[in-house]
Amino acid sequence: MDVARLERLTQKVGGRFRLTALLQKRLAELVKGSPPLVDLPSNNYLEIALREIEEGRIELLRPWTAEDAAQLPAPEEAEKEEKK
């Protein structure tokens, strides 16, 4: 495997852990039958996932954090808004 390519992808997604997580999730989707988002003559799922990342067709979304939850309205306020 091309080390320079992996280094570029690592920088693109924001780190080795994120690249590994993204590849794992996408490979699982491809194995379960999801269609590739790129046209490649190869049936190699790893190569397909790597190319999808290179072309910006997939990304790893930021996980839910406590800061995200703090920005949501309190449950009581949300109920009041729904009743209006």
N, C-alpha and C. Protein backbone atom coordinates (compact mmCIF):
# COMPACT_ATOMS: atom_id res chain seq x y z
N MET A 1 0.84 -1.17 0.00
CA MET A 1 0.00 0.00 0.00
C MET A 1 0.89 1.24 0.00
N ASP A 2 0.45 2.23 -0.71
CA ASP A 2 1.21 3.46 -0.89
C ASP A 2 1.17 4.30 0.40
N VAL A 3 2.31 4.45 1.05
CA VAL A 3 2.41 5.17 2.31
C VAL A 3 2.05 6.64 2.13
N ALA A 4 2.48 7.24 1.04
CA ALA A 4 2.18 8.66 0.79
C ALA A 4 0.66 8.86 0.64
N ARG A 5 0.02 7.93 -0.02
CA ARG A 5 -1.45 8.01 -0.18
C ARG A 5 -2.15 7.93 1.17
N LEU A 6 -1.72 6.99 2.00
CA LEU A 6 -2.33 6.86 3.32
C LEU A 6 -2.08 8.10 4.17
N GLU A 7 -0.92 8.70 4.04
CA GLU A 7 -0.61 9.91 4.79
C GLU A 7 -1.50 11.07 4.34
N ARG A 8 -1.72 11.20 3.04
CA ARG A 8 -2.63 12.24 2.52
C ARG A 8 -4.05 12.03 3.04
N LEU A 9 -4.51 10.79 3.02
CA LEU A 9 -5.86 10.49 3.50
C LEU A 9 -5.97 10.74 5.00
N THR A 10 -4.92 10.41 5.74
CA THR A 10 -4.91 10.65 7.18
C THR A 10 -5.06 12.13 7.48
N GLN A 11 -4.34 12.95 6.75
CA GLN A 11 -4.45 14.39 6.94
C GLN A 11 -5.81 14.91 6.49
N LYS A 12 -6.35 14.35 5.43
CA LYS A 12 -7.64 14.80 4.91
C LYS A 12 -8.77 14.58 5.90
N VAL A 13 -8.78 13.42 6.57
CA VAL A 13 -9.88 13.11 7.49
C VAL A 13 -9.61 13.54 8.92
N GLY A 14 -8.37 13.91 9.23
CA GLY A 14 -8.09 14.44 10.55
C GLY A 14 -7.42 13.48 11.53
N GLY A 15 -6.80 12.44 11.03
CA GLY A 15 -6.05 11.55 11.92
C GLY A 15 -6.21 10.09 11.57
N ARG A 16 -5.29 9.29 12.10
CA ARG A 16 -5.30 7.85 11.80
C ARG A 16 -6.52 7.15 12.36
N PHE A 17 -6.93 7.52 13.58
CA PHE A 17 -8.11 6.89 14.17
C PHE A 17 -9.34 7.17 13.32
N ARG A 18 -9.51 8.42 12.90
CA ARG A 18 -10.67 8.78 12.09
C ARG A 18 -10.65 8.05 10.74
N LEU A 19 -9.47 7.93 10.14
CA LEU A 19 -9.36 7.21 8.87
C LEU A 19 -9.73 5.74 9.07
N THR A 20 -9.22 5.14 10.11
CA THR A 20 -9.52 3.74 10.39
C THR A 20 -11.01 3.54 10.63
N ALA A 21 -11.62 4.41 11.42
CA ALA A 21 -13.05 4.30 11.70
C ALA A 21 -13.87 4.47 10.43
N LEU A 22 -13.51 5.44 9.62
CA LEU A 22 -14.23 5.68 8.38
C LEU A 22 -14.11 4.49 7.43
N LEU A 23 -12.91 3.97 7.29
CA LEU A 23 -12.72 2.80 6.43
C LEU A 23 -13.51 1.60 6.93
N GLN A 24 -13.47 1.37 8.23
CA GLN A 24 -14.19 0.23 8.80
C GLN A 24 -15.69 0.34 8.54
N LYS A 25 -16.24 1.51 8.76
CA LYS A 25 -17.68 1.71 8.55
C LYS A 25 -18.05 1.55 7.08
N ARG A 26 -17.26 2.12 6.20
CA ARG A 26 -17.57 2.04 4.78
C ARG A 26 -17.38 0.63 4.24
N LEU A 27 -16.34 -0.06 4.69
CA LEU A 27 -16.14 -1.44 4.25
C LEU A 27 -17.31 -2.32 4.67
N ALA A 28 -17.81 -2.12 5.88
CA ALA A 28 -18.97 -2.89 6.35
C ALA A 28 -20.19 -2.62 5.46
N GLU A 29 -20.39 -1.36 5.09
CA GLU A 29 -21.51 -1.02 4.20
C GLU A 29 -21.36 -1.69 2.84
N LEU A 30 -20.15 -1.65 2.28
CA LEU A 30 -19.92 -2.25 0.97
C LEU A 30 -20.14 -3.76 1.02
N VAL A 31 -19.66 -4.41 2.06
CA VAL A 31 -19.83 -5.86 2.20
C VAL A 31 -21.31 -6.22 2.30
N LYS A 32 -22.09 -5.35 2.94
CA LYS A 32 -23.54 -5.61 3.09
C LYS A 32 -24.32 -5.30 1.82
N GLY A 33 -23.64 -4.74 0.79
CA GLY A 33 -24.31 -4.53 -0.48
C GLY A 33 -24.52 -3.09 -0.91
N SER A 34 -24.03 -2.13 -0.16
CA SER A 34 -24.15 -0.73 -0.58
C SER A 34 -23.41 -0.53 -1.90
N PRO A 35 -23.98 0.26 -2.80
CA PRO A 35 -23.29 0.47 -4.07
C PRO A 35 -22.09 1.39 -3.90
N PRO A 36 -21.03 1.16 -4.65
CA PRO A 36 -19.88 2.06 -4.61
C PRO A 36 -20.27 3.46 -5.09
N LEU A 37 -19.64 4.47 -4.53
CA LEU A 37 -19.90 5.85 -4.92
C LEU A 37 -18.92 6.34 -5.98
N VAL A 38 -18.04 5.47 -6.43
CA VAL A 38 -17.07 5.78 -7.47
C VAL A 38 -17.07 4.64 -8.50
N ASP A 39 -16.67 4.97 -9.71
CA ASP A 39 -16.55 3.96 -10.76
C ASP A 39 -15.10 3.49 -10.82
N LEU A 40 -14.89 2.24 -10.46
CA LEU A 40 -13.56 1.64 -10.51
C LEU A 40 -13.67 0.28 -11.20
N PRO A 41 -12.67 -0.10 -11.95
CA PRO A 41 -12.70 -1.43 -12.54
C PRO A 41 -12.46 -2.53 -11.49
N SER A 42 -12.05 -2.15 -10.30
CA SER A 42 -11.71 -3.10 -9.24
C SER A 42 -12.95 -3.44 -8.40
N ASN A 43 -12.99 -4.66 -7.91
CA ASN A 43 -14.01 -5.07 -6.96
C ASN A 43 -13.46 -5.12 -5.54
N ASN A 44 -12.28 -4.57 -5.35
CA ASN A 44 -11.62 -4.56 -4.05
C ASN A 44 -12.27 -3.47 -3.19
N TYR A 45 -12.97 -3.89 -2.14
CA TYR A 45 -13.71 -2.95 -1.31
C TYR A 45 -12.81 -1.90 -0.65
N LEU A 46 -11.63 -2.31 -0.25
CA LEU A 46 -10.71 -1.35 0.36
C LEU A 46 -10.31 -0.27 -0.64
N GLU A 47 -10.00 -0.66 -1.85
CA GLU A 47 -9.64 0.31 -2.88
C GLU A 47 -10.81 1.25 -3.18
N ILE A 48 -12.02 0.72 -3.22
CA ILE A 48 -13.20 1.54 -3.46
C ILE A 48 -13.37 2.56 -2.34
N ALA A 49 -13.26 2.11 -1.08
CA ALA A 49 -13.43 3.02 0.06
C ALA A 49 -12.34 4.09 0.08
N LEU A 50 -11.11 3.71 -0.21
CA LEU A 50 -10.03 4.70 -0.26
C LEU A 50 -10.29 5.75 -1.33
N ARG A 51 -10.74 5.33 -2.50
CA ARG A 51 -11.02 6.28 -3.58
C ARG A 51 -12.21 7.18 -3.21
N GLU A 52 -13.21 6.63 -2.54
CA GLU A 52 -14.35 7.45 -2.11
C GLU A 52 -13.89 8.55 -1.16
N ILE A 53 -12.97 8.23 -0.27
CA ILE A 53 -12.44 9.23 0.66
C ILE A 53 -11.63 10.27 -0.12
N GLU A 54 -10.78 9.80 -1.03
CA GLU A 54 -9.96 10.73 -1.83
C GLU A 54 -10.83 11.72 -2.58
N GLU A 55 -11.95 11.25 -3.12
CA GLU A 55 -12.81 12.11 -3.92
C GLU A 55 -13.80 12.92 -3.06
N GLY A 56 -13.74 12.73 -1.75
CA GLY A 56 -14.61 13.49 -0.87
C GLY A 56 -16.06 13.04 -0.89
N ARG A 57 -16.30 11.81 -1.27
CA ARG A 57 -17.67 11.31 -1.36
C ARG A 57 -18.20 10.79 -0.03
N ILE A 58 -17.31 10.48 0.89
CA ILE A 58 -17.73 10.04 2.23
C ILE A 58 -16.90 10.78 3.26
N GLU A 59 -17.46 10.93 4.44
CA GLU A 59 -16.73 11.55 5.55
C GLU A 59 -17.26 11.00 6.86
N LEU A 60 -16.47 11.12 7.88
CA LEU A 60 -16.85 10.67 9.21
C LEU A 60 -17.45 11.86 9.94
N LEU A 61 -18.71 11.73 10.32
CA LEU A 61 -19.37 12.82 11.01
C LEU A 61 -18.86 12.93 12.43
N ARG A 62 -18.90 14.13 12.94
CA ARG A 62 -18.45 14.40 14.30
C ARG A 62 -19.39 13.71 15.29
N PRO A 63 -18.87 13.06 16.30
CA PRO A 63 -19.75 12.40 17.27
C PRO A 63 -20.51 13.41 18.12
N TRP A 64 -21.62 12.99 18.62
CA TRP A 64 -22.45 13.79 19.51
C TRP A 64 -21.65 14.09 20.77
N THR A 65 -21.67 15.35 21.21
CA THR A 65 -20.90 15.73 22.39
C THR A 65 -21.79 16.40 23.42
N ALA A 66 -21.27 16.60 24.61
CA ALA A 66 -22.01 17.28 25.66
C ALA A 66 -22.30 18.72 25.27
N GLU A 67 -21.38 19.34 24.53
CA GLU A 67 -21.61 20.72 24.08
C GLU A 67 -22.82 20.80 23.14
N ASP A 68 -22.97 19.78 22.29
CA ASP A 68 -24.12 19.74 21.39
C ASP A 68 -25.41 19.66 22.20
N ALA A 69 -25.41 18.82 23.21
CA ALA A 69 -26.60 18.65 24.04
C ALA A 69 -26.93 19.93 24.80
N ALA A 70 -25.92 20.66 25.21
CA ALA A 70 -26.14 21.89 25.97
C ALA A 70 -26.80 22.97 25.11
N GLN A 71 -26.65 22.89 23.81
CA GLN A 71 -27.24 23.89 22.92
C GLN A 71 -28.71 23.62 22.61
N LEU A 72 -29.19 22.42 22.93
CA LEU A 72 -30.59 22.10 22.70
C LEU A 72 -31.46 22.73 23.78
N PRO A 73 -32.72 23.06 23.45
CA PRO A 73 -33.60 23.60 24.48
C PRO A 73 -33.91 22.54 25.53
N ALA A 74 -34.19 23.00 26.74
CA ALA A 74 -34.55 22.07 27.81
C ALA A 74 -35.83 21.35 27.42
N PRO A 75 -36.05 20.12 27.90
CA PRO A 75 -37.25 19.37 27.53
C PRO A 75 -38.56 20.12 27.80
N GLU A 76 -38.62 20.88 28.90
CA GLU A 76 -39.84 21.62 29.21
C GLU A 76 -40.12 22.68 28.15
N GLU A 77 -39.06 23.35 27.70
CA GLU A 77 -39.21 24.38 26.68
C GLU A 77 -39.63 23.78 25.35
N ALA A 78 -39.10 22.63 25.03
CA ALA A 78 -39.44 21.96 23.77
C ALA A 78 -40.92 21.56 23.78
N GLU A 79 -41.41 21.07 24.92
CA GLU A 79 -42.82 20.70 25.03
C GLU A 79 -43.72 21.90 24.87
N LYS A 80 -43.35 23.04 25.45
CA LYS A 80 -44.14 24.26 25.33
C LYS A 80 -44.22 24.70 23.87
N GLU A 81 -43.11 24.58 23.14
CA GLU A 81 -43.07 24.98 21.74
C GLU A 81 -43.96 24.07 20.91
N GLU A 82 -44.00 22.76 21.23
CA GLU A 82 -44.82 21.81 20.49
C GLU A 82 -46.30 22.07 20.69
N LYS A 83 -46.69 22.52 21.88
CA LYS A 83 -48.10 22.76 22.20
C LYS A 83 -48.64 24.02 21.54
N LYS A 84 -47.79 24.93 21.16
CA LYS A 84 -48.23 26.19 20.54
C LYS A 84 -48.81 26.00 19.19
